[in-house]
Amino acid sequence: MKSVAGPHRFGDTCRDGRRSLDAAKGVLVVLRQCSLDEAFTEIVDTARQHGTEPMALARVLVATAENGSTRELDDRAVVAVDLVWGPLLRQVRQSN
């Protein structure tokens, strides 16, 4: 009998989460001119301060940096990204 969820579903979710987190760290390295470790710490600290998960915050940060939709993403993470990094992201967009 085959699984309804499909094979590797959990693994794919974890891999996607790691990709989002890595991409979000890269966004912050560029925005903040900081190290990857500092970017990771900022993501975790910001998530904790705003009551959301670091992976949710990472997905929103990447979507926002890509000018993508955040409608289907965690509302707290969307607010946190706008408050914390929104001004920097808008500044970068205006300079391009």
PDB file of N, CA and C in Angstrom:
ATOM      1  N   MET A   1       0.838  -1.180   0.000  1.00  0.00           N
ATOM      2  CA  MET A   1       0.000   0.000   0.000  1.00  0.00           C
ATOM      3  C   MET A   1       0.887   1.250   0.000  1.00  0.00           C
ATOM      4  N   LYS A   2       0.594   2.185  -0.871  1.00  0.00           N
ATOM      5  CA  LYS A   2       1.377   3.425  -0.960  1.00  0.00           C
ATOM      6  C   LYS A   2       0.885   4.439   0.058  1.00  0.00           C
ATOM      7  N   SER A   3       1.801   5.266   0.508  1.00  0.00           N
ATOM      8  CA  SER A   3       1.456   6.334   1.442  1.00  0.00           C
ATOM      9  C   SER A   3       0.704   7.438   0.701  1.00  0.00           C
ATOM     10  N   VAL A   4      -0.321   7.971   1.339  1.00  0.00           N
ATOM     11  CA  VAL A   4      -1.096   9.063   0.747  1.00  0.00           C
ATOM     12  C   VAL A   4      -0.254  10.316   0.607  1.00  0.00           C
ATOM     13  N   ALA A   5       0.614  10.554   1.598  1.00  0.00           N
ATOM     14  CA  ALA A   5       1.438  11.757   1.595  1.00  0.00           C
ATOM     15  C   ALA A   5       2.546  11.676   0.563  1.00  0.00           C
ATOM     16  N   GLY A   6       2.851  10.500   0.094  1.00  0.00           N
ATOM     17  CA  GLY A   6       3.897  10.349  -0.903  1.00  0.00           C
ATOM     18  C   GLY A   6       5.244  10.156  -0.260  1.00  0.00           C
ATOM     19  N   PRO A   7       6.160   9.540  -0.984  1.00  0.00           N
ATOM     20  CA  PRO A   7       7.491   9.295  -0.445  1.00  0.00           C
ATOM     21  C   PRO A   7       8.282  10.590  -0.317  1.00  0.00           C
ATOM     22  N   HIS A   8       9.115  10.618   0.675  1.00  0.00           N
ATOM     23  CA  HIS A   8      10.057  11.726   0.884  1.00  0.00           C
ATOM     24  C   HIS A   8       9.400  13.061   1.198  1.00  0.00           C
ATOM     25  N   ARG A   9       8.141  13.064   1.520  1.00  0.00           N
ATOM     26  CA  ARG A   9       7.463  14.334   1.796  1.00  0.00           C
ATOM     27  C   ARG A   9       8.117  15.070   2.955  1.00  0.00           C
ATOM     28  N   PHE A  10       8.412  14.376   4.055  1.00  0.00           N
ATOM     29  CA  PHE A  10       9.050  15.016   5.198  1.00  0.00           C
ATOM     30  C   PHE A  10      10.442  15.516   4.823  1.00  0.00           C
ATOM     31  N   GLY A  11      11.186  14.694   4.087  1.00  0.00           N
ATOM     32  CA  GLY A  11      12.526  15.094   3.664  1.00  0.00           C
ATOM     33  C   GLY A  11      12.504  16.318   2.773  1.00  0.00           C
ATOM     34  N   ASP A  12      11.511  16.375   1.876  1.00  0.00           N
ATOM     35  CA  ASP A  12      11.386  17.533   0.994  1.00  0.00           C
ATOM     36  C   ASP A  12      11.085  18.791   1.793  1.00  0.00           C
ATOM     37  N   THR A  13      10.224  18.664   2.802  1.00  0.00           N
ATOM     38  CA  THR A  13       9.874  19.806   3.649  1.00  0.00           C
ATOM     39  C   THR A  13      11.096  20.310   4.394  1.00  0.00           C
ATOM     40  N   CYS A  14      11.878  19.398   4.935  1.00  0.00           N
ATOM     41  CA  CYS A  14      13.096  19.795   5.660  1.00  0.00           C
ATOM     42  C   CYS A  14      14.100  20.455   4.724  1.00  0.00           C
ATOM     43  N   ARG A  15      14.253  19.863   3.533  1.00  0.00           N
ATOM     44  CA  ARG A  15      15.192  20.424   2.562  1.00  0.00           C
ATOM     45  C   ARG A  15      14.749  21.824   2.140  1.00  0.00           C
ATOM     46  N   ASP A  16      13.447  22.003   1.899  1.00  0.00           N
ATOM     47  CA  ASP A  16      12.934  23.324   1.532  1.00  0.00           C
ATOM     48  C   ASP A  16      13.165  24.331   2.656  1.00  0.00           C
ATOM     49  N   GLY A  17      12.978  23.895   3.896  1.00  0.00           N
ATOM     50  CA  GLY A  17      13.225  24.757   5.046  1.00  0.00           C
ATOM     51  C   GLY A  17      14.674  25.189   5.125  1.00  0.00           C
ATOM     52  N   ARG A  18      15.579  24.246   4.908  1.00  0.00           N
ATOM     53  CA  ARG A  18      17.013  24.589   4.935  1.00  0.00           C
ATOM     54  C   ARG A  18      17.353  25.552   3.809  1.00  0.00           C
ATOM     55  N   ARG A  19      16.765  25.332   2.642  1.00  0.00           N
ATOM     56  CA  ARG A  19      17.024  26.244   1.515  1.00  0.00           C
ATOM     57  C   ARG A  19      16.536  27.653   1.833  1.00  0.00           C
ATOM     58  N   SER A  20      15.340  27.739   2.403  1.00  0.00           N
ATOM     59  CA  SER A  20      14.800  29.054   2.770  1.00  0.00           C
ATOM     60  C   SER A  20      15.683  29.730   3.807  1.00  0.00           C
ATOM     61  N   LEU A  21      16.115  28.967   4.796  1.00  0.00           N
ATOM     62  CA  LEU A  21      16.963  29.539   5.836  1.00  0.00           C
ATOM     63  C   LEU A  21      18.303  29.993   5.263  1.00  0.00           C
ATOM     64  N   ASP A  22      18.894  29.174   4.408  1.00  0.00           N
ATOM     65  CA  ASP A  22      20.163  29.570   3.779  1.00  0.00           C
ATOM     66  C   ASP A  22      19.994  30.818   2.919  1.00  0.00           C
ATOM     67  N   ALA A  23      18.905  30.866   2.149  1.00  0.00           N
ATOM     68  CA  ALA A  23      18.649  32.035   1.304  1.00  0.00           C
ATOM     69  C   ALA A  23      18.414  33.277   2.161  1.00  0.00           C
ATOM     70  N   ALA A  24      17.658  33.127   3.252  1.00  0.00           N
ATOM     71  CA  ALA A  24      17.383  34.263   4.139  1.00  0.00           C
ATOM     72  C   ALA A  24      18.673  34.775   4.774  1.00  0.00           C
ATOM     73  N   LYS A  25      19.543  33.865   5.167  1.00  0.00           N
ATOM     74  CA  LYS A  25      20.834  34.299   5.714  1.00  0.00           C
ATOM     75  C   LYS A  25      21.602  35.094   4.665  1.00  0.00           C
ATOM     76  N   GLY A  26      21.555  34.645   3.415  1.00  0.00           N
ATOM     77  CA  GLY A  26      22.229  35.371   2.336  1.00  0.00           C
ATOM     78  C   GLY A  26      21.664  36.767   2.136  1.00  0.00           C
ATOM     79  N   VAL A  27      20.347  36.881   2.235  1.00  0.00           N
ATOM     80  CA  VAL A  27      19.704  38.199   2.113  1.00  0.00           C
ATOM     81  C   VAL A  27      20.233  39.120   3.208  1.00  0.00           C
ATOM     82  N   LEU A  28      20.297  38.616   4.433  1.00  0.00           N
ATOM     83  CA  LEU A  28      20.763  39.459   5.538  1.00  0.00           C
ATOM     84  C   LEU A  28      22.248  39.782   5.451  1.00  0.00           C
ATOM     85  N   VAL A  29      23.040  38.851   4.933  1.00  0.00           N
ATOM     86  CA  VAL A  29      24.467  39.131   4.749  1.00  0.00           C
ATOM     87  C   VAL A  29      24.634  40.345   3.841  1.00  0.00           C
ATOM     88  N   VAL A  30      23.824  40.412   2.801  1.00  0.00           N
ATOM     89  CA  VAL A  30      23.897  41.541   1.868  1.00  0.00           C
ATOM     90  C   VAL A  30      23.307  42.803   2.502  1.00  0.00           C
ATOM     91  N   LEU A  31      22.132  42.693   3.106  1.00  0.00           N
ATOM     92  CA  LEU A  31      21.474  43.871   3.682  1.00  0.00           C
ATOM     93  C   LEU A  31      22.258  44.466   4.849  1.00  0.00           C
ATOM     94  N   ARG A  32      22.728  43.600   5.724  1.00  0.00           N
ATOM     95  CA  ARG A  32      23.373  44.053   6.968  1.00  0.00           C
ATOM     96  C   ARG A  32      24.889  44.084   6.896  1.00  0.00           C
ATOM     97  N   GLN A  33      25.455  43.539   5.813  1.00  0.00           N
ATOM     98  CA  GLN A  33      26.911  43.439   5.706  1.00  0.00           C
ATOM     99  C   GLN A  33      27.469  42.699   6.932  1.00  0.00           C
ATOM    100  N   CYS A  34      26.859  41.545   7.218  1.00  0.00           N
ATOM    101  CA  CYS A  34      27.238  40.774   8.403  1.00  0.00           C
ATOM    102  C   CYS A  34      27.670  39.373   7.988  1.00  0.00           C
ATOM    103  N   SER A  35      28.099  38.578   8.960  1.00  0.00           N
ATOM    104  CA  SER A  35      28.494  37.193   8.703  1.00  0.00           C
ATOM    105  C   SER A  35      27.253  36.298   8.647  1.00  0.00           C
ATOM    106  N   LEU A  36      27.442  35.088   8.145  1.00  0.00           N
ATOM    107  CA  LEU A  36      26.347  34.116   8.120  1.00  0.00           C
ATOM    108  C   LEU A  36      25.883  33.779   9.535  1.00  0.00           C
ATOM    109  N   ASP A  37      26.820  33.663  10.461  1.00  0.00           N
ATOM    110  CA  ASP A  37      26.453  33.377  11.858  1.00  0.00           C
ATOM    111  C   ASP A  37      25.629  34.507  12.452  1.00  0.00           C
ATOM    112  N   GLU A  38      26.022  35.740  12.179  1.00  0.00           N
ATOM    113  CA  GLU A  38      25.256  36.884  12.675  1.00  0.00           C
ATOM    114  C   GLU A  38      23.860  36.921  12.047  1.00  0.00           C
ATOM    115  N   ALA A  39      23.778  36.584  10.765  1.00  0.00           N
ATOM    116  CA  ALA A  39      22.485  36.557  10.081  1.00  0.00           C
ATOM    117  C   ALA A  39      21.580  35.488  10.694  1.00  0.00           C
ATOM    118  N   PHE A  40      22.128  34.314  10.960  1.00  0.00           N
ATOM    119  CA  PHE A  40      21.353  33.246  11.575  1.00  0.00           C
ATOM    120  C   PHE A  40      20.837  33.676  12.948  1.00  0.00           C
ATOM    121  N   THR A  41      21.715  34.265  13.739  1.00  0.00           N
ATOM    122  CA  THR A  41      21.325  34.732  15.077  1.00  0.00           C
ATOM    123  C   THR A  41      20.229  35.777  14.973  1.00  0.00           C
ATOM    124  N   GLU A  42      20.323  36.684  14.016  1.00  0.00           N
ATOM    125  CA  GLU A  42      19.302  37.714  13.846  1.00  0.00           C
ATOM    126  C   GLU A  42      17.953  37.104  13.463  1.00  0.00           C
ATOM    127  N   ILE A  43      17.960  36.105  12.609  1.00  0.00           N
ATOM    128  CA  ILE A  43      16.718  35.439  12.220  1.00  0.00           C
ATOM    129  C   ILE A  43      16.079  34.769  13.430  1.00  0.00           C
ATOM    130  N   VAL A  44      16.864  34.028  14.185  1.00  0.00           N
ATOM    131  CA  VAL A  44      16.339  33.318  15.362  1.00  0.00           C
ATOM    132  C   VAL A  44      15.833  34.305  16.404  1.00  0.00           C
ATOM    133  N   ASP A  45      16.608  35.334  16.687  1.00  0.00           N
ATOM    134  CA  ASP A  45      16.202  36.335  17.686  1.00  0.00           C
ATOM    135  C   ASP A  45      14.942  37.084  17.253  1.00  0.00           C
ATOM    136  N   THR A  46      14.874  37.448  15.994  1.00  0.00           N
ATOM    137  CA  THR A  46      13.708  38.171  15.483  1.00  0.00           C
ATOM    138  C   THR A  46      12.464  37.288  15.543  1.00  0.00           C
ATOM    139  N   ALA A  47      12.606  36.031  15.174  1.00  0.00           N
ATOM    140  CA  ALA A  47      11.480  35.099  15.242  1.00  0.00           C
ATOM    141  C   ALA A  47      10.982  34.982  16.681  1.00  0.00           C
ATOM    142  N   ARG A  48      11.898  34.848  17.604  1.00  0.00           N
ATOM    143  CA  ARG A  48      11.518  34.728  19.023  1.00  0.00           C
ATOM    144  C   ARG A  48      10.802  35.989  19.500  1.00  0.00           C
ATOM    145  N   GLN A  49      11.314  37.149  19.146  1.00  0.00           N
ATOM    146  CA  GLN A  49      10.719  38.417  19.583  1.00  0.00           C
ATOM    147  C   GLN A  49       9.309  38.618  19.027  1.00  0.00           C
ATOM    148  N   HIS A  50       9.043  38.062  17.854  1.00  0.00           N
ATOM    149  CA  HIS A  50       7.757  38.281  17.194  1.00  0.00           C
ATOM    150  C   HIS A  50       6.834  37.071  17.275  1.00  0.00           C
ATOM    151  N   GLY A  51       7.227  36.068  18.036  1.00  0.00           N
ATOM    152  CA  GLY A  51       6.358  34.916  18.260  1.00  0.00           C
ATOM    153  C   GLY A  51       6.092  34.060  17.042  1.00  0.00           C
ATOM    154  N   THR A  52       7.107  33.888  16.211  1.00  0.00           N
ATOM    155  CA  THR A  52       6.966  33.047  15.036  1.00  0.00           C
ATOM    156  C   THR A  52       8.160  32.100  14.957  1.00  0.00           C
ATOM    157  N   GLU A  53       8.117  31.184  14.041  1.00  0.00           N
ATOM    158  CA  GLU A  53       9.198  30.218  13.857  1.00  0.00           C
ATOM    159  C   GLU A  53      10.263  30.789  12.922  1.00  0.00           C
ATOM    160  N   PRO A  54      11.538  30.476  13.185  1.00  0.00           N
ATOM    161  CA  PRO A  54      12.608  30.957  12.295  1.00  0.00           C
ATOM    162  C   PRO A  54      12.407  30.559  10.839  1.00  0.00           C
ATOM    163  N   MET A  55      11.921  29.346  10.590  1.00  0.00           N
ATOM    164  CA  MET A  55      11.717  28.913   9.201  1.00  0.00           C
ATOM    165  C   MET A  55      10.613  29.728   8.532  1.00  0.00           C
ATOM    166  N   ALA A  56       9.568  30.042   9.270  1.00  0.00           N
ATOM    167  CA  ALA A  56       8.488  30.872   8.721  1.00  0.00           C
ATOM    168  C   ALA A  56       9.023  32.261   8.391  1.00  0.00           C
ATOM    169  N   LEU A  57       9.826  32.797   9.290  1.00  0.00           N
ATOM    170  CA  LEU A  57      10.426  34.115   9.076  1.00  0.00           C
ATOM    171  C   LEU A  57      11.343  34.084   7.855  1.00  0.00           C
ATOM    172  N   ALA A  58      12.112  33.021   7.732  1.00  0.00           N
ATOM    173  CA  ALA A  58      13.026  32.889   6.591  1.00  0.00           C
ATOM    174  C   ALA A  58      12.253  32.850   5.275  1.00  0.00           C
ATOM    175  N   ARG A  59      11.156  32.078   5.239  1.00  0.00           N
ATOM    176  CA  ARG A  59      10.354  32.001   4.010  1.00  0.00           C
ATOM    177  C   ARG A  59       9.810  33.376   3.624  1.00  0.00           C
ATOM    178  N   VAL A  60       9.346  34.126   4.601  1.00  0.00           N
ATOM    179  CA  VAL A  60       8.785  35.453   4.319  1.00  0.00           C
ATOM    180  C   VAL A  60       9.879  36.414   3.871  1.00  0.00           C
ATOM    181  N   LEU A  61      11.028  36.370   4.525  1.00  0.00           N
ATOM    182  CA  LEU A  61      12.133  37.255   4.146  1.00  0.00           C
ATOM    183  C   LEU A  61      12.554  37.000   2.705  1.00  0.00           C
ATOM    184  N   VAL A  62      12.672  35.745   2.340  1.00  0.00           N
ATOM    185  CA  VAL A  62      13.061  35.413   0.965  1.00  0.00           C
ATOM    186  C   VAL A  62      11.970  35.836  -0.016  1.00  0.00           C
ATOM    187  N   ALA A  63      10.727  35.543   0.294  1.00  0.00           N
ATOM    188  CA  ALA A  63       9.629  35.944  -0.599  1.00  0.00           C
ATOM    189  C   ALA A  63       9.592  37.456  -0.777  1.00  0.00           C
ATOM    190  N   THR A  64       9.799  38.185   0.308  1.00  0.00           N
ATOM    191  CA  THR A  64       9.784  39.648   0.249  1.00  0.00           C
ATOM    192  C   THR A  64      10.959  40.169  -0.580  1.00  0.00           C
ATOM    193  N   ALA A  65      12.134  39.585  -0.374  1.00  0.00           N
ATOM    194  CA  ALA A  65      13.317  40.005  -1.133  1.00  0.00           C
ATOM    195  C   ALA A  65      13.146  39.730  -2.625  1.00  0.00           C
ATOM    196  N   GLU A  66      12.388  38.673  -2.947  1.00  0.00           N
ATOM    197  CA  GLU A  66      12.140  38.321  -4.345  1.00  0.00           C
ATOM    198  C   GLU A  66      10.920  39.040  -4.918  1.00  0.00           C
ATOM    199  N   ASN A  67      10.312  39.931  -4.138  1.00  0.00           N
ATOM    200  CA  ASN A  67       9.070  40.600  -4.534  1.00  0.00           C
ATOM    201  C   ASN A  67       7.949  39.599  -4.778  1.00  0.00           C
ATOM    202  N   GLY A  68       7.975  38.509  -4.018  1.00  0.00           N
ATOM    203  CA  GLY A  68       6.954  37.476  -4.170  1.00  0.00           C
ATOM    204  C   GLY A  68       5.783  37.710  -3.232  1.00  0.00           C
ATOM    205  N   SER A  69       4.779  36.895  -3.393  1.00  0.00           N
ATOM    206  CA  SER A  69       3.584  36.992  -2.568  1.00  0.00           C
ATOM    207  C   SER A  69       3.844  36.398  -1.187  1.00  0.00           C
ATOM    208  N   THR A  70       3.309  37.057  -0.171  1.00  0.00           N
ATOM    209  CA  THR A  70       3.401  36.547   1.197  1.00  0.00           C
ATOM    210  C   THR A  70       2.011  36.215   1.736  1.00  0.00           C
ATOM    211  N   ARG A  71       1.007  36.232   0.883  1.00  0.00           N
ATOM    212  CA  ARG A  71      -0.382  35.998   1.309  1.00  0.00           C
ATOM    213  C   ARG A  71      -0.594  34.668   2.002  1.00  0.00           C
ATOM    214  N   GLU A  72       0.051  33.640   1.552  1.00  0.00           N
ATOM    215  CA  GLU A  72      -0.148  32.297   2.105  1.00  0.00           C
ATOM    216  C   GLU A  72       0.816  31.994   3.245  1.00  0.00           C
ATOM    217  N   LEU A  73       1.612  32.952   3.660  1.00  0.00           N
ATOM    218  CA  LEU A  73       2.636  32.721   4.678  1.00  0.00           C
ATOM    219  C   LEU A  73       2.185  33.232   6.044  1.00  0.00           C
ATOM    220  N   ASP A  74       2.938  32.903   7.058  1.00  0.00           N
ATOM    221  CA  ASP A  74       2.630  33.236   8.452  1.00  0.00           C
ATOM    222  C   ASP A  74       2.493  34.751   8.646  1.00  0.00           C
ATOM    223  N   ASP A  75       1.333  35.183   9.148  1.00  0.00           N
ATOM    224  CA  ASP A  75       1.059  36.614   9.318  1.00  0.00           C
ATOM    225  C   ASP A  75       2.046  37.298  10.262  1.00  0.00           C
ATOM    226  N   ARG A  76       2.399  36.630  11.350  1.00  0.00           N
ATOM    227  CA  ARG A  76       3.361  37.234  12.294  1.00  0.00           C
ATOM    228  C   ARG A  76       4.719  37.422  11.643  1.00  0.00           C
ATOM    229  N   ALA A  77       5.107  36.459  10.844  1.00  0.00           N
ATOM    230  CA  ALA A  77       6.386  36.566  10.145  1.00  0.00           C
ATOM    231  C   ALA A  77       6.358  37.700   9.125  1.00  0.00           C
ATOM    232  N   VAL A  78       5.236  37.877   8.451  1.00  0.00           N
ATOM    233  CA  VAL A  78       5.101  38.964   7.474  1.00  0.00           C
ATOM    234  C   VAL A  78       5.259  40.314   8.168  1.00  0.00           C
ATOM    235  N   VAL A  79       4.601  40.476   9.299  1.00  0.00           N
ATOM    236  CA  VAL A  79       4.700  41.727  10.066  1.00  0.00           C
ATOM    237  C   VAL A  79       6.137  41.936  10.549  1.00  0.00           C
ATOM    238  N   ALA A  80       6.757  40.884  11.065  1.00  0.00           N
ATOM    239  CA  ALA A  80       8.127  40.990  11.580  1.00  0.00           C
ATOM    240  C   ALA A  80       9.102  41.402  10.484  1.00  0.00           C
ATOM    241  N   VAL A  81       8.992  40.768   9.329  1.00  0.00           N
ATOM    242  CA  VAL A  81       9.898  41.106   8.219  1.00  0.00           C
ATOM    243  C   VAL A  81       9.706  42.555   7.806  1.00  0.00           C
ATOM    244  N   ASP A  82       8.465  43.003   7.720  1.00  0.00           N
ATOM    245  CA  ASP A  82       8.217  44.391   7.328  1.00  0.00           C
ATOM    246  C   ASP A  82       8.782  45.371   8.354  1.00  0.00           C
ATOM    247  N   LEU A  83       8.593  45.077   9.622  1.00  0.00           N
ATOM    248  CA  LEU A  83       9.094  45.976  10.670  1.00  0.00           C
ATOM    249  C   LEU A  83      10.616  46.000  10.757  1.00  0.00           C
ATOM    250  N   VAL A  84      11.212  44.824  10.719  1.00  0.00           N
ATOM    251  CA  VAL A  84      12.651  44.718  10.974  1.00  0.00           C
ATOM    252  C   VAL A  84      13.486  44.983   9.731  1.00  0.00           C
ATOM    253  N   TRP A  85      13.117  44.395   8.606  1.00  0.00           N
ATOM    254  CA  TRP A  85      13.952  44.507   7.412  1.00  0.00           C
ATOM    255  C   TRP A  85      13.284  45.244   6.259  1.00  0.00           C
ATOM    256  N   GLY A  86      12.023  45.582   6.395  1.00  0.00           N
ATOM    257  CA  GLY A  86      11.314  46.283   5.331  1.00  0.00           C
ATOM    258  C   GLY A  86      11.999  47.550   4.856  1.00  0.00           C
ATOM    259  N   PRO A  87      12.421  48.422   5.789  1.00  0.00           N
ATOM    260  CA  PRO A  87      13.094  49.643   5.340  1.00  0.00           C
ATOM    261  C   PRO A  87      14.369  49.372   4.542  1.00  0.00           C
ATOM    262  N   LEU A  88      15.139  48.387   4.942  1.00  0.00           N
ATOM    263  CA  LEU A  88      16.365  48.052   4.206  1.00  0.00           C
ATOM    264  C   LEU A  88      16.039  47.483   2.824  1.00  0.00           C
ATOM    265  N   LEU A  89      15.027  46.625   2.772  1.00  0.00           N
ATOM    266  CA  LEU A  89      14.639  46.050   1.484  1.00  0.00           C
ATOM    267  C   LEU A  89      14.123  47.122   0.535  1.00  0.00           C
ATOM    268  N   ARG A  90      13.332  48.047   1.058  1.00  0.00           N
ATOM    269  CA  ARG A  90      12.824  49.148   0.202  1.00  0.00           C
ATOM    270  C   ARG A  90      13.972  50.047  -0.271  1.00  0.00           C
ATOM    271  N   GLN A  91      14.924  50.284   0.596  1.00  0.00           N
ATOM    272  CA  GLN A  91      16.080  51.110   0.237  1.00  0.00           C
ATOM    273  C   GLN A  91      16.868  50.475  -0.896  1.00  0.00           C
ATOM    274  N   VAL A  92      17.062  49.173  -0.838  1.00  0.00           N
ATOM    275  CA  VAL A  92      17.783  48.465  -1.894  1.00  0.00           C
ATOM    276  C   VAL A  92      17.014  48.536  -3.206  1.00  0.00           C
ATOM    277  N   ARG A  93      15.692  48.356  -3.139  1.00  0.00           N
ATOM    278  CA  ARG A  93      14.873  48.427  -4.351  1.00  0.00           C
ATOM    279  C   ARG A  93      14.949  49.801  -4.996  1.00  0.00           C
ATOM    280  N   GLN A  94      14.928  50.852  -4.180  1.00  0.00           N
ATOM    281  CA  GLN A  94      14.967  52.215  -4.717  1.00  0.00           C
ATOM    282  C   GLN A  94      16.315  52.531  -5.351  1.00  0.00           C
ATOM    283  N   SER A  95      17.378  51.919  -4.857  1.00  0.00           N
ATOM    284  CA  SER A  95      18.703  52.211  -5.409  1.00  0.00           C
ATOM    285  C   SER A  95      18.997  51.428  -6.674  1.00  0.00           C
ATOM    286  N   ASN A  96      18.148  50.448  -6.992  1.00  0.00           N
ATOM    287  CA  ASN A  96      18.367  49.647  -8.213  1.00  0.00           C
ATOM    288  C   ASN A  96      17.661  50.229  -9.368  1.00  0.00           C
TER     289      ASN A  96
END
